């Protein structure tokens, strides 16, 4: 079963994409709580923070750099 985010990445569910590269996609939240409310999602499925390993270190750092660019 695919998650909502996996379906957005696969273009099965429409979303307003603000940024995309080979590892990350940033979309507008459909129910924003701020004027600019983006969700930055890794394309690699990681079920939760407890599933992070040292192998994800560069990806997580990249997410923060993209957040800085988009803010």
N, C-alpha and C. Protein backbone atom coordinates (compact mmCIF):
# COMPACT_ATOMS: atom_id res chain seq x y z
N UNK A 1 0.85 -1.18 0.00
CA UNK A 1 0.00 0.00 0.00
C UNK A 1 0.89 1.24 0.00
N UNK A 2 0.55 2.17 -0.85
CA UNK A 2 1.30 3.43 -0.92
C UNK A 2 0.75 4.45 0.06
N UNK A 3 1.64 5.28 0.56
CA UNK A 3 1.20 6.37 1.43
C UNK A 3 0.71 7.53 0.57
N UNK A 4 0.07 8.49 1.19
CA UNK A 4 -0.37 9.70 0.51
C UNK A 4 0.81 10.38 -0.17
N UNK A 5 1.93 10.48 0.54
CA UNK A 5 3.10 11.15 -0.02
C UNK A 5 3.69 10.37 -1.20
N UNK A 6 3.71 9.06 -1.12
CA UNK A 6 4.20 8.26 -2.24
C UNK A 6 3.31 8.45 -3.46
N UNK A 7 2.01 8.59 -3.25
CA UNK A 7 1.08 8.83 -4.36
C UNK A 7 1.29 10.21 -4.97
N UNK A 8 1.60 11.21 -4.14
CA UNK A 8 1.91 12.54 -4.66
C UNK A 8 3.19 12.50 -5.48
N UNK A 9 4.22 11.85 -4.99
CA UNK A 9 5.49 11.73 -5.71
C UNK A 9 5.28 11.03 -7.04
N UNK A 10 4.41 10.01 -7.07
CA UNK A 10 4.13 9.26 -8.30
C UNK A 10 3.13 9.98 -9.21
N UNK A 11 2.67 11.15 -8.79
CA UNK A 11 1.71 11.96 -9.54
C UNK A 11 0.34 11.28 -9.66
N UNK A 12 0.03 10.42 -8.70
CA UNK A 12 -1.28 9.79 -8.66
C UNK A 12 -2.29 10.70 -7.97
N UNK A 13 -1.80 11.60 -7.12
CA UNK A 13 -2.63 12.59 -6.43
C UNK A 13 -2.04 13.95 -6.78
N UNK A 14 -2.89 14.91 -7.20
CA UNK A 14 -2.36 16.22 -7.56
C UNK A 14 -1.88 17.01 -6.34
N UNK A 15 -0.87 17.83 -6.57
CA UNK A 15 -0.33 18.70 -5.52
C UNK A 15 0.34 19.89 -6.21
N UNK A 16 0.44 20.99 -5.48
CA UNK A 16 1.16 22.15 -5.98
C UNK A 16 2.62 22.00 -5.57
N UNK A 17 3.45 21.71 -6.55
CA UNK A 17 4.87 21.45 -6.29
C UNK A 17 5.63 22.77 -6.36
N UNK A 18 6.35 23.07 -5.29
CA UNK A 18 7.15 24.29 -5.21
C UNK A 18 8.63 24.02 -5.49
N UNK A 19 9.05 22.78 -5.30
CA UNK A 19 10.45 22.42 -5.50
C UNK A 19 10.51 20.92 -5.72
N UNK A 20 11.43 20.50 -6.59
CA UNK A 20 11.65 19.06 -6.76
C UNK A 20 13.04 18.83 -7.32
N UNK A 21 13.70 17.81 -6.80
CA UNK A 21 14.94 17.32 -7.37
C UNK A 21 14.90 15.79 -7.29
N UNK A 22 16.00 15.14 -7.49
CA UNK A 22 16.00 13.68 -7.53
C UNK A 22 15.74 13.03 -6.17
N UNK A 23 15.92 13.79 -5.07
CA UNK A 23 15.78 13.21 -3.73
C UNK A 23 14.61 13.76 -2.91
N UNK A 24 14.14 14.95 -3.29
CA UNK A 24 13.19 15.68 -2.43
C UNK A 24 12.11 16.33 -3.28
N UNK A 25 10.92 16.42 -2.70
CA UNK A 25 9.84 17.19 -3.30
C UNK A 25 9.25 18.08 -2.21
N UNK A 26 8.92 19.32 -2.56
CA UNK A 26 8.29 20.25 -1.62
C UNK A 26 6.95 20.67 -2.22
N UNK A 27 5.89 20.49 -1.44
CA UNK A 27 4.55 20.80 -1.92
C UNK A 27 3.87 21.77 -0.96
N UNK A 28 2.88 22.48 -1.48
CA UNK A 28 2.07 23.36 -0.63
C UNK A 28 1.12 22.51 0.18
N UNK A 29 0.94 22.87 1.44
CA UNK A 29 -0.01 22.18 2.31
C UNK A 29 -1.42 22.54 1.86
N UNK A 30 -2.33 21.57 1.83
CA UNK A 30 -3.70 21.86 1.39
C UNK A 30 -4.51 22.59 2.46
N UNK A 31 -4.04 22.58 3.69
CA UNK A 31 -4.70 23.30 4.79
C UNK A 31 -3.63 24.09 5.54
N UNK A 32 -3.08 25.13 4.92
CA UNK A 32 -1.95 25.85 5.53
C UNK A 32 -2.32 26.56 6.82
N UNK A 33 -1.36 26.59 7.74
CA UNK A 33 -1.54 27.32 8.99
C UNK A 33 -0.67 28.57 9.01
N UNK A 34 -0.05 28.87 7.87
CA UNK A 34 0.77 30.07 7.72
C UNK A 34 0.69 30.48 6.24
N UNK A 35 1.02 31.73 5.92
CA UNK A 35 0.97 32.16 4.53
C UNK A 35 1.82 31.28 3.60
N UNK A 36 2.97 30.85 4.06
CA UNK A 36 3.81 29.92 3.29
C UNK A 36 3.97 28.67 4.15
N UNK A 37 3.28 27.61 3.78
CA UNK A 37 3.32 26.36 4.54
C UNK A 37 3.61 25.24 3.54
N UNK A 38 4.87 24.81 3.51
CA UNK A 38 5.30 23.78 2.59
C UNK A 38 5.64 22.50 3.34
N UNK A 39 5.40 21.39 2.69
CA UNK A 39 5.82 20.09 3.20
C UNK A 39 7.00 19.64 2.35
N UNK A 40 8.12 19.38 2.98
CA UNK A 40 9.32 18.93 2.28
C UNK A 40 9.46 17.45 2.56
N UNK A 41 9.37 16.66 1.49
CA UNK A 41 9.24 15.21 1.62
C UNK A 41 10.39 14.52 0.90
N UNK A 42 11.09 13.62 1.59
CA UNK A 42 12.10 12.83 0.87
C UNK A 42 11.40 11.82 -0.05
N UNK A 43 11.97 11.61 -1.21
CA UNK A 43 11.39 10.62 -2.13
C UNK A 43 11.65 9.19 -1.65
N UNK A 44 12.67 9.02 -0.84
CA UNK A 44 12.95 7.73 -0.21
C UNK A 44 11.97 7.55 0.94
N UNK A 45 11.22 6.46 0.92
CA UNK A 45 10.23 6.23 1.98
C UNK A 45 10.94 5.88 3.29
N UNK A 46 10.74 6.71 4.30
CA UNK A 46 11.27 6.48 5.64
C UNK A 46 10.05 6.50 6.56
N UNK A 47 9.67 5.37 7.12
CA UNK A 47 8.43 5.29 7.91
C UNK A 47 8.33 6.26 9.08
N UNK A 48 9.44 6.57 9.71
CA UNK A 48 9.41 7.47 10.87
C UNK A 48 10.80 7.80 11.34
N UNK A 49 10.88 8.73 12.26
CA UNK A 49 12.18 9.18 12.75
C UNK A 49 12.97 8.04 13.40
N UNK A 50 12.29 7.09 13.99
CA UNK A 50 12.98 5.94 14.60
C UNK A 50 13.60 5.01 13.57
N UNK A 51 13.27 5.21 12.30
CA UNK A 51 13.82 4.38 11.24
C UNK A 51 15.04 5.02 10.57
N UNK A 52 15.41 6.21 11.01
CA UNK A 52 16.57 6.88 10.43
C UNK A 52 17.85 6.17 10.84
N UNK A 53 18.78 6.12 9.90
CA UNK A 53 20.10 5.54 10.17
C UNK A 53 21.16 6.52 9.69
N UNK A 54 22.40 6.20 9.94
CA UNK A 54 23.51 7.04 9.49
C UNK A 54 23.49 7.20 7.97
N UNK A 55 22.94 6.23 7.26
CA UNK A 55 22.85 6.31 5.80
C UNK A 55 21.95 7.45 5.33
N UNK A 56 21.05 7.91 6.19
CA UNK A 56 20.12 8.98 5.83
C UNK A 56 20.67 10.38 6.15
N UNK A 57 21.85 10.44 6.74
CA UNK A 57 22.40 11.71 7.23
C UNK A 57 22.46 12.78 6.14
N UNK A 58 22.98 12.47 4.98
CA UNK A 58 23.09 13.46 3.91
C UNK A 58 21.71 13.90 3.42
N UNK A 59 20.78 12.97 3.32
CA UNK A 59 19.43 13.30 2.87
C UNK A 59 18.74 14.25 3.85
N UNK A 60 18.84 13.96 5.13
CA UNK A 60 18.20 14.81 6.13
C UNK A 60 18.84 16.20 6.14
N UNK A 61 20.14 16.26 6.00
CA UNK A 61 20.81 17.55 5.89
C UNK A 61 20.36 18.31 4.66
N UNK A 62 20.18 17.62 3.56
CA UNK A 62 19.71 18.24 2.32
C UNK A 62 18.31 18.81 2.49
N UNK A 63 17.46 18.09 3.21
CA UNK A 63 16.10 18.59 3.47
C UNK A 63 16.17 19.94 4.18
N UNK A 64 17.04 20.07 5.17
CA UNK A 64 17.18 21.33 5.90
C UNK A 64 17.72 22.45 5.01
N UNK A 65 18.64 22.14 4.12
CA UNK A 65 19.16 23.16 3.21
C UNK A 65 18.09 23.61 2.23
N UNK A 66 17.27 22.68 1.75
CA UNK A 66 16.16 23.04 0.86
C UNK A 66 15.15 23.90 1.62
N UNK A 67 14.87 23.56 2.86
CA UNK A 67 13.95 24.36 3.68
C UNK A 67 14.48 25.79 3.82
N UNK A 68 15.76 25.91 4.03
CA UNK A 68 16.37 27.24 4.14
C UNK A 68 16.20 28.03 2.84
N UNK A 69 16.40 27.38 1.70
CA UNK A 69 16.23 28.02 0.39
C UNK A 69 14.80 28.49 0.18
N UNK A 70 13.85 27.67 0.57
CA UNK A 70 12.45 27.97 0.29
C UNK A 70 11.83 28.95 1.28
N UNK A 71 12.44 29.10 2.44
CA UNK A 71 11.86 29.98 3.48
C UNK A 71 11.98 31.45 3.09
